[in-house]
PDB file of N, CA and C in Angstrom:
ATOM      1  N   MET A   1      -5.156   5.074 -14.042  1.00  0.00           N
ATOM      2  CA  MET A   1      -4.467   4.334 -12.737  1.00  0.00           C
ATOM      3  C   MET A   1      -3.098   3.970 -13.019  1.00  0.00           C
ATOM      4  N   MET A   2      -1.935   4.359 -12.621  1.00  0.00           N
ATOM      5  CA  MET A   2      -0.981   3.627 -13.277  1.00  0.00           C
ATOM      6  C   MET A   2      -0.678   2.598 -12.779  1.00  0.00           C
ATOM      7  N   HIS A   3      -0.247   1.094 -13.476  1.00  0.00           N
ATOM      8  CA  HIS A   3       0.218   0.434 -13.348  1.00  0.00           C
ATOM      9  C   HIS A   3       1.687  -0.348 -13.133  1.00  0.00           C
ATOM     10  N   ASP A   4       2.454  -0.072 -12.573  1.00  0.00           N
ATOM     11  CA  ASP A   4       4.262  -0.014 -13.088  1.00  0.00           C
ATOM     12  C   ASP A   4       4.443  -1.233 -12.348  1.00  0.00           C
ATOM     13  N   THR A   5       4.303  -3.150 -13.208  1.00  0.00           N
ATOM     14  CA  THR A   5       4.524  -4.151 -12.458  1.00  0.00           C
ATOM     15  C   THR A   5       5.684  -4.296 -11.785  1.00  0.00           C
ATOM     16  N   THR A   6       7.119  -3.569 -12.251  1.00  0.00           N
ATOM     17  CA  THR A   6       8.541  -3.453 -11.649  1.00  0.00           C
ATOM     18  C   THR A   6       8.301  -3.316 -10.327  1.00  0.00           C
ATOM     19  N   PHE A   7       7.636  -1.824 -10.076  1.00  0.00           N
ATOM     20  CA  PHE A   7       7.534  -1.521  -9.135  1.00  0.00           C
ATOM     21  C   PHE A   7       6.319  -2.145  -7.799  1.00  0.00           C
ATOM     22  N   MET A   8       5.722  -3.047  -8.507  1.00  0.00           N
ATOM     23  CA  MET A   8       4.434  -3.628  -7.762  1.00  0.00           C
ATOM     24  C   MET A   8       5.536  -5.145  -6.824  1.00  0.00           C
ATOM     25  N   LYS A   9       6.228  -5.375  -7.808  1.00  0.00           N
ATOM     26  CA  LYS A   9       7.020  -6.870  -7.545  1.00  0.00           C
ATOM     27  C   LYS A   9       7.865  -6.157  -7.026  1.00  0.00           C
ATOM     28  N   GLY A  10       8.568  -5.158  -6.212  1.00  0.00           N
ATOM     29  CA  GLY A  10       9.465  -5.151  -5.186  1.00  0.00           C
ATOM     30  C   GLY A  10       9.158  -4.896  -4.044  1.00  0.00           C
ATOM     31  N   GLU A  11      10.092  -4.511  -3.296  1.00  0.00           N
ATOM     32  CA  GLU A  11       9.954  -4.211  -1.825  1.00  0.00           C
ATOM     33  C   GLU A  11       9.167  -2.875  -1.781  1.00  0.00           C
ATOM     34  N   LEU A  12       7.606  -2.847  -0.860  1.00  0.00           N
ATOM     35  CA  LEU A  12       7.235  -1.778  -0.290  1.00  0.00           C
ATOM     36  C   LEU A  12       7.797  -1.112   1.059  1.00  0.00           C
ATOM     37  N   ILE A  13       8.541  -2.272   1.769  1.00  0.00           N
ATOM     38  CA  ILE A  13       8.687  -1.285   3.134  1.00  0.00           C
ATOM     39  C   ILE A  13       9.734  -0.401   2.981  1.00  0.00           C
ATOM     40  N   GLY A  14       9.511   0.345   3.799  1.00  0.00           N
ATOM     41  CA  GLY A  14      10.156   1.955   3.487  1.00  0.00           C
ATOM     42  C   GLY A  14       9.702   3.237   2.428  1.00  0.00           C
ATOM     43  N   LEU A  15       9.183   2.826   1.806  1.00  0.00           N
ATOM     44  CA  LEU A  15       8.657   3.706   0.793  1.00  0.00           C
ATOM     45  C   LEU A  15       7.333   4.753   1.740  1.00  0.00           C
ATOM     46  N   PRO A  16       7.515   5.576   0.528  1.00  0.00           N
ATOM     47  CA  PRO A  16       6.327   6.906   0.917  1.00  0.00           C
ATOM     48  C   PRO A  16       5.201   6.826   0.779  1.00  0.00           C
ATOM     49  N   VAL A  17       3.776   6.935   1.460  1.00  0.00           N
ATOM     50  CA  VAL A  17       2.996   5.953   0.602  1.00  0.00           C
ATOM     51  C   VAL A  17       1.544   6.837   1.522  1.00  0.00           C
ATOM     52  N   ARG A  18       0.588   7.617   0.644  1.00  0.00           N
ATOM     53  CA  ARG A  18      -0.730   8.345   0.928  1.00  0.00           C
ATOM     54  C   ARG A  18      -1.504   7.609   0.432  1.00  0.00           C
ATOM     55  N   ILE A  19      -2.644   7.746   1.777  1.00  0.00           N
ATOM     56  CA  ILE A  19      -3.696   7.212   1.235  1.00  0.00           C
ATOM     57  C   ILE A  19      -4.905   7.721   0.312  1.00  0.00           C
ATOM     58  N   GLN A  20      -5.028   7.404  -0.525  1.00  0.00           N
ATOM     59  CA  GLN A  20      -5.923   8.321  -1.567  1.00  0.00           C
ATOM     60  C   GLN A  20      -7.170   7.986  -1.950  1.00  0.00           C
ATOM     61  N   ASN A  21      -7.755   7.181  -1.649  1.00  0.00           N
ATOM     62  CA  ASN A  21      -9.085   6.597  -1.616  1.00  0.00           C
ATOM     63  C   ASN A  21      -9.576   5.671  -0.867  1.00  0.00           C
ATOM     64  N   CYS A  22     -10.657   5.752  -0.006  1.00  0.00           N
ATOM     65  CA  CYS A  22     -10.605   4.480   1.192  1.00  0.00           C
ATOM     66  C   CYS A  22     -11.752   4.858   1.679  1.00  0.00           C
ATOM     67  N   THR A  23     -12.518   3.390   1.570  1.00  0.00           N
ATOM     68  CA  THR A  23     -13.863   2.998   2.180  1.00  0.00           C
ATOM     69  C   THR A  23     -14.346   3.656   3.711  1.00  0.00           C
ATOM     70  N   ASP A  24     -12.929   3.364   4.611  1.00  0.00           N
ATOM     71  CA  ASP A  24     -13.031   4.605   6.024  1.00  0.00           C
ATOM     72  C   ASP A  24     -12.393   5.691   5.688  1.00  0.00           C
ATOM     73  N   PRO A  25     -13.449   6.641   5.727  1.00  0.00           N
ATOM     74  CA  PRO A  25     -13.132   7.972   6.251  1.00  0.00           C
ATOM     75  C   PRO A  25     -12.465   8.502   6.986  1.00  0.00           C
ATOM     76  N   SER A  26     -11.831   7.814   8.089  1.00  0.00           N
ATOM     77  CA  SER A  26     -10.681   8.226   8.887  1.00  0.00           C
ATOM     78  C   SER A  26      -9.291   8.089   8.527  1.00  0.00           C
ATOM     79  N   LEU A  27      -8.989   7.103   7.106  1.00  0.00           N
ATOM     80  CA  LEU A  27      -7.557   6.794   6.918  1.00  0.00           C
ATOM     81  C   LEU A  27      -7.675   7.511   5.693  1.00  0.00           C
ATOM     82  N   GLN A  28      -8.524   8.559   5.077  1.00  0.00           N
ATOM     83  CA  GLN A  28      -8.566   9.118   4.014  1.00  0.00           C
ATOM     84  C   GLN A  28      -7.425  10.067   3.763  1.00  0.00           C
ATOM     85  N   GLY A  29      -6.906  10.430   3.331  1.00  0.00           N
ATOM     86  CA  GLY A  29      -4.972  11.115   3.339  1.00  0.00           C
ATOM     87  C   GLY A  29      -4.115  10.893   4.183  1.00  0.00           C
ATOM     88  N   VAL A  30      -4.594   9.762   4.521  1.00  0.00           N
ATOM     89  CA  VAL A  30      -3.030   9.464   5.482  1.00  0.00           C
ATOM     90  C   VAL A  30      -1.558   9.874   4.906  1.00  0.00           C
ATOM     91  N   GLU A  31      -0.619  10.229   5.731  1.00  0.00           N
ATOM     92  CA  GLU A  31       0.531   9.635   4.689  1.00  0.00           C
ATOM     93  C   GLU A  31       1.545   9.107   5.899  1.00  0.00           C
ATOM     94  N   GLY A  32       2.650   8.693   5.243  1.00  0.00           N
ATOM     95  CA  GLY A  32       3.622   8.529   6.100  1.00  0.00           C
ATOM     96  C   GLY A  32       4.196   6.999   5.346  1.00  0.00           C
ATOM     97  N   HIS A  33       5.059   6.402   6.021  1.00  0.00           N
ATOM     98  CA  HIS A  33       6.067   5.250   5.938  1.00  0.00           C
ATOM     99  C   HIS A  33       5.615   3.603   5.658  1.00  0.00           C
ATOM    100  N   ILE A  34       5.324   3.170   4.947  1.00  0.00           N
ATOM    101  CA  ILE A  34       5.571   1.714   4.938  1.00  0.00           C
ATOM    102  C   ILE A  34       6.298   0.854   6.126  1.00  0.00           C
ATOM    103  N   VAL A  35       5.814   0.502   7.554  1.00  0.00           N
ATOM    104  CA  VAL A  35       6.765   0.022   7.826  1.00  0.00           C
ATOM    105  C   VAL A  35       6.640  -1.948   8.244  1.00  0.00           C
ATOM    106  N   ASP A  36       5.760  -2.288   7.548  1.00  0.00           N
ATOM    107  CA  ASP A  36       5.324  -3.559   7.191  1.00  0.00           C
ATOM    108  C   ASP A  36       4.183  -4.173   6.431  1.00  0.00           C
ATOM    109  N   GLU A  37       4.021  -5.011   6.086  1.00  0.00           N
ATOM    110  CA  GLU A  37       2.773  -5.255   5.225  1.00  0.00           C
ATOM    111  C   GLU A  37       2.643  -7.302   5.547  1.00  0.00           C
ATOM    112  N   THR A  38       1.530  -7.401   5.091  1.00  0.00           N
ATOM    113  CA  THR A  38       1.062  -8.811   5.279  1.00  0.00           C
ATOM    114  C   THR A  38       0.794  -9.270   4.027  1.00  0.00           C
ATOM    115  N   LYS A  39      -0.401  -9.853   3.900  1.00  0.00           N
ATOM    116  CA  LYS A  39      -1.183 -10.618   2.673  1.00  0.00           C
ATOM    117  C   LYS A  39      -2.280  -9.186   2.237  1.00  0.00           C
ATOM    118  N   ASN A  40      -2.837  -8.986   3.400  1.00  0.00           N
ATOM    119  CA  ASN A  40      -4.378  -8.103   3.481  1.00  0.00           C
ATOM    120  C   ASN A  40      -4.248  -6.809   3.613  1.00  0.00           C
ATOM    121  N   THR A  41      -2.802  -6.486   4.594  1.00  0.00           N
ATOM    122  CA  THR A  41      -2.630  -4.983   5.160  1.00  0.00           C
ATOM    123  C   THR A  41      -1.653  -4.383   4.919  1.00  0.00           C
ATOM    124  N   LEU A  42      -1.093  -3.475   5.074  1.00  0.00           N
ATOM    125  CA  LEU A  42      -0.003  -2.206   4.771  1.00  0.00           C
ATOM    126  C   LEU A  42      -0.143  -1.658   6.607  1.00  0.00           C
ATOM    127  N   VAL A  43       0.988  -1.528   7.169  1.00  0.00           N
ATOM    128  CA  VAL A  43       1.087  -1.266   8.387  1.00  0.00           C
ATOM    129  C   VAL A  43       1.866   0.694   7.822  1.00  0.00           C
ATOM    130  N   VAL A  44       1.611   1.190   8.088  1.00  0.00           N
ATOM    131  CA  VAL A  44       1.825   2.657   8.236  1.00  0.00           C
ATOM    132  C   VAL A  44       2.171   3.565   9.059  1.00  0.00           C
ATOM    133  N   ASP A  45       3.777   4.017   9.137  1.00  0.00           N
ATOM    134  CA  ASP A  45       4.162   4.746  10.302  1.00  0.00           C
ATOM    135  C   ASP A  45       3.724   6.499   9.804  1.00  0.00           C
ATOM    136  N   THR A  46       3.135   7.281  10.614  1.00  0.00           N
ATOM    137  CA  THR A  46       2.417   8.339  10.738  1.00  0.00           C
ATOM    138  C   THR A  46       2.888   9.245  11.308  1.00  0.00           C
ATOM    139  N   PRO A  47       2.929  10.616  11.381  1.00  0.00           N
ATOM    140  CA  PRO A  47       3.033  11.256  12.407  1.00  0.00           C
ATOM    141  C   PRO A  47       2.224  10.883  13.691  1.00  0.00           C
ATOM    142  N   HIS A  48       1.057  10.683  13.099  1.00  0.00           N
ATOM    143  CA  HIS A  48      -0.059  10.916  14.933  1.00  0.00           C
ATOM    144  C   HIS A  48      -0.205   9.111  15.170  1.00  0.00           C
ATOM    145  N   GLY A  49       0.711   8.658  14.204  1.00  0.00           N
ATOM    146  CA  GLY A  49       1.369   7.051  15.534  1.00  0.00           C
ATOM    147  C   GLY A  49       1.070   5.971  13.920  1.00  0.00           C
ATOM    148  N   VAL A  50       1.186   4.664  14.302  1.00  0.00           N
ATOM    149  CA  VAL A  50       1.035   3.695  13.291  1.00  0.00           C
ATOM    150  C   VAL A  50      -0.205   2.866  12.862  1.00  0.00           C
ATOM    151  N   LYS A  51      -0.560   3.050  11.834  1.00  0.00           N
ATOM    152  CA  LYS A  51      -1.702   2.834  11.346  1.00  0.00           C
ATOM    153  C   LYS A  51      -2.056   1.716  10.083  1.00  0.00           C
ATOM    154  N   ARG A  52      -3.029   0.673  10.738  1.00  0.00           N
ATOM    155  CA  ARG A  52      -2.687  -0.617  10.025  1.00  0.00           C
ATOM    156  C   ARG A  52      -4.092  -0.003   8.942  1.00  0.00           C
ATOM    157  N   VAL A  53      -3.877  -0.438   7.738  1.00  0.00           N
ATOM    158  CA  VAL A  53      -4.702  -0.227   6.615  1.00  0.00           C
ATOM    159  C   VAL A  53      -5.258  -1.435   5.948  1.00  0.00           C
ATOM    160  N   ALA A  54      -6.386  -1.975   5.404  1.00  0.00           N
ATOM    161  CA  ALA A  54      -6.607  -2.993   4.756  1.00  0.00           C
ATOM    162  C   ALA A  54      -6.229  -2.871   3.216  1.00  0.00           C
ATOM    163  N   LYS A  55      -5.464  -3.575   2.616  1.00  0.00           N
ATOM    164  CA  LYS A  55      -5.300  -3.174   1.496  1.00  0.00           C
ATOM    165  C   LYS A  55      -6.549  -3.257   0.420  1.00  0.00           C
ATOM    166  N   ASP A  56      -7.460  -3.929   0.423  1.00  0.00           N
ATOM    167  CA  ASP A  56      -8.456  -3.986  -0.388  1.00  0.00           C
ATOM    168  C   ASP A  56      -9.513  -3.034   0.028  1.00  0.00           C
ATOM    169  N   ILE A  57      -9.436  -1.943   0.590  1.00  0.00           N
ATOM    170  CA  ILE A  57     -10.547  -1.213   0.827  1.00  0.00           C
ATOM    171  C   ILE A  57      -9.997   0.332   0.474  1.00  0.00           C
ATOM    172  N   ALA A  58      -8.625   0.228  -0.088  1.00  0.00           N
ATOM    173  CA  ALA A  58      -8.264   1.583  -0.549  1.00  0.00           C
ATOM    174  C   ALA A  58      -7.155   1.618  -1.459  1.00  0.00           C
ATOM    175  N   THR A  59      -7.124   2.722  -1.902  1.00  0.00           N
ATOM    176  CA  THR A  59      -6.263   2.981  -3.227  1.00  0.00           C
ATOM    177  C   THR A  59      -4.730   4.165  -2.723  1.00  0.00           C
ATOM    178  N   PHE A  60      -3.706   3.513  -2.938  1.00  0.00           N
ATOM    179  CA  PHE A  60      -2.598   4.211  -2.491  1.00  0.00           C
ATOM    180  C   PHE A  60      -1.458   4.517  -3.358  1.00  0.00           C
ATOM    181  N   VAL A  61      -1.184   5.788  -2.765  1.00  0.00           N
ATOM    182  CA  VAL A  61       0.015   6.293  -4.032  1.00  0.00           C
ATOM    183  C   VAL A  61       1.208   6.078  -3.038  1.00  0.00           C
ATOM    184  N   ILE A  62       1.915   5.051  -3.373  1.00  0.00           N
ATOM    185  CA  ILE A  62       3.599   4.553  -3.031  1.00  0.00           C
ATOM    186  C   ILE A  62       4.280   5.222  -3.588  1.00  0.00           C
ATOM    187  N   ASP A  63       4.984   5.897  -3.199  1.00  0.00           N
ATOM    188  CA  ASP A  63       6.473   6.438  -4.011  1.00  0.00           C
ATOM    189  C   ASP A  63       5.821   6.967  -5.300  1.00  0.00           C
ATOM    190  N   GLY A  64       4.910   7.481  -5.249  1.00  0.00           N
ATOM    191  CA  GLY A  64       4.558   8.654  -6.737  1.00  0.00           C
ATOM    192  C   GLY A  64       3.784   7.269  -7.439  1.00  0.00           C
ATOM    193  N   VAL A  65       3.340   6.118  -7.402  1.00  0.00           N
ATOM    194  CA  VAL A  65       2.483   5.268  -8.325  1.00  0.00           C
ATOM    195  C   VAL A  65       1.425   5.064  -7.319  1.00  0.00           C
ATOM    196  N   THR A  66       0.245   5.009  -8.259  1.00  0.00           N
ATOM    197  CA  THR A  66      -1.060   4.838  -7.315  1.00  0.00           C
ATOM    198  C   THR A  66      -0.967   4.017  -7.930  1.00  0.00           C
ATOM    199  N   VAL A  67      -1.735   2.959  -6.823  1.00  0.00           N
ATOM    200  CA  VAL A  67      -2.079   1.581  -6.514  1.00  0.00           C
ATOM    201  C   VAL A  67      -3.234   0.784  -6.205  1.00  0.00           C
ATOM    202  N   ARG A  68      -4.135   0.385  -6.738  1.00  0.00           N
ATOM    203  CA  ARG A  68      -4.961  -0.181  -6.136  1.00  0.00           C
ATOM    204  C   ARG A  68      -4.727  -1.486  -4.732  1.00  0.00           C
ATOM    205  N   GLY A  69      -5.210  -1.220  -3.613  1.00  0.00           N
ATOM    206  CA  GLY A  69      -4.463  -2.264  -2.432  1.00  0.00           C
ATOM    207  C   GLY A  69      -5.203  -3.616  -3.161  1.00  0.00           C
ATOM    208  N   ALA A  70      -6.389  -3.800  -3.470  1.00  0.00           N
ATOM    209  CA  ALA A  70      -6.418  -5.103  -4.622  1.00  0.00           C
ATOM    210  C   ALA A  70      -5.638  -5.821  -5.473  1.00  0.00           C
ATOM    211  N   ASP A  71      -4.997  -4.962  -5.880  1.00  0.00           N
ATOM    212  CA  ASP A  71      -3.787  -5.347  -7.015  1.00  0.00           C
ATOM    213  C   ASP A  71      -2.663  -5.993  -6.178  1.00  0.00           C
ATOM    214  N   ILE A  72      -2.377  -5.391  -4.872  1.00  0.00           N
ATOM    215  CA  ILE A  72      -0.958  -5.819  -4.048  1.00  0.00           C
ATOM    216  C   ILE A  72      -1.536  -6.735  -3.503  1.00  0.00           C
ATOM    217  N   ALA A  73      -2.925  -6.819  -3.043  1.00  0.00           N
ATOM    218  CA  ALA A  73      -3.543  -7.773  -1.564  1.00  0.00           C
ATOM    219  C   ALA A  73      -2.836  -9.642  -2.121  1.00  0.00           C
ATOM    220  N   PHE A  74      -1.621  -9.735  -1.968  1.00  0.00           N
ATOM    221  CA  PHE A  74      -0.932 -10.912  -1.883  1.00  0.00           C
ATOM    222  C   PHE A  74       0.238 -10.904  -0.812  1.00  0.00           C
ATOM    223  N   ARG A  75       0.979 -11.875  -0.473  1.00  0.00           N
ATOM    224  CA  ARG A  75       1.766 -11.886   0.478  1.00  0.00           C
ATOM    225  C   ARG A  75       3.060 -11.268  -0.164  1.00  0.00           C
ATOM    226  N   PRO A  76       4.061 -10.447   0.222  1.00  0.00           N
ATOM    227  CA  PRO A  76       4.979 -10.080  -0.213  1.00  0.00           C
ATOM    228  C   PRO A  76       6.202 -10.890  -1.165  1.00  0.00           C
ATOM    229  N   GLU A  77       5.875 -12.098  -0.493  1.00  0.00           N
ATOM    230  CA  GLU A  77       7.037 -12.906  -1.126  1.00  0.00           C
ATOM    231  C   GLU A  77       6.125 -13.812  -2.705  1.00  0.00           C
ATOM    232  N   ASP A  78       4.886 -13.794  -2.655  1.00  0.00           N
ATOM    233  CA  ASP A  78       4.027 -14.267  -3.647  1.00  0.00           C
ATOM    234  C   ASP A  78       3.803 -13.288  -4.904  1.00  0.00           C
ATOM    235  N   ARG A  79       3.899 -12.165  -4.222  1.00  0.00           N
ATOM    236  CA  ARG A  79       3.904 -10.851  -5.411  1.00  0.00           C
ATOM    237  C   ARG A  79       4.580 -10.757  -6.829  1.00  0.00           C
ATOM    238  N   ILE A  80       5.862 -11.466  -6.504  1.00  0.00           N
ATOM    239  CA  ILE A  80       6.602 -11.091  -7.609  1.00  0.00           C
ATOM    240  C   ILE A  80       6.420 -12.661  -8.174  1.00  0.00           C
ATOM    241  N   ARG A  81       5.240 -13.439  -8.240  1.00  0.00           N
ATOM    242  CA  ARG A  81       5.522 -14.462  -9.132  1.00  0.00           C
ATOM    243  C   ARG A  81       3.685 -13.745  -9.637  1.00  0.00           C
ATOM    244  N   LYS A  82       2.786 -13.622  -8.764  1.00  0.00           N
ATOM    245  CA  LYS A  82       1.631 -13.299  -9.385  1.00  0.00           C
ATOM    246  C   LYS A  82       1.394 -12.437 -10.111  1.00  0.00           C
ATOM    247  N   ILE A  83       2.101 -11.003 -10.061  1.00  0.00           N
ATOM    248  CA  ILE A  83       1.866  -9.927 -11.034  1.00  0.00           C
ATOM    249  C   ILE A  83       3.163  -9.923 -12.081  1.00  0.00           C
ATOM    250  N   LYS A  84       1.952 -10.014 -13.118  1.00  0.00           N
ATOM    251  CA  LYS A  84       2.786  -9.964 -14.669  1.00  0.00           C
ATOM    252  C   LYS A  84       2.765  -8.506 -14.932  1.00  0.00           C
TER     253      LYS A  84
END
């Protein structure tokens, strides 16, 4: 799994995303754009509506980079300090 710390420190809103692996089978393979982010969730705008996905149960491909949700489970404003 690729860890691009520069990427993970930046803003995620507006980036394309695909859910690669998820413990919730209904979210597996969902694609769209990130429209909001909290400490524990990503909100994804898909062609079938808006989906809220818990970060800790999924692996995402965000703008071509594979990211474990647990690795970005911080408030967006805290991520810049915590990811090294």
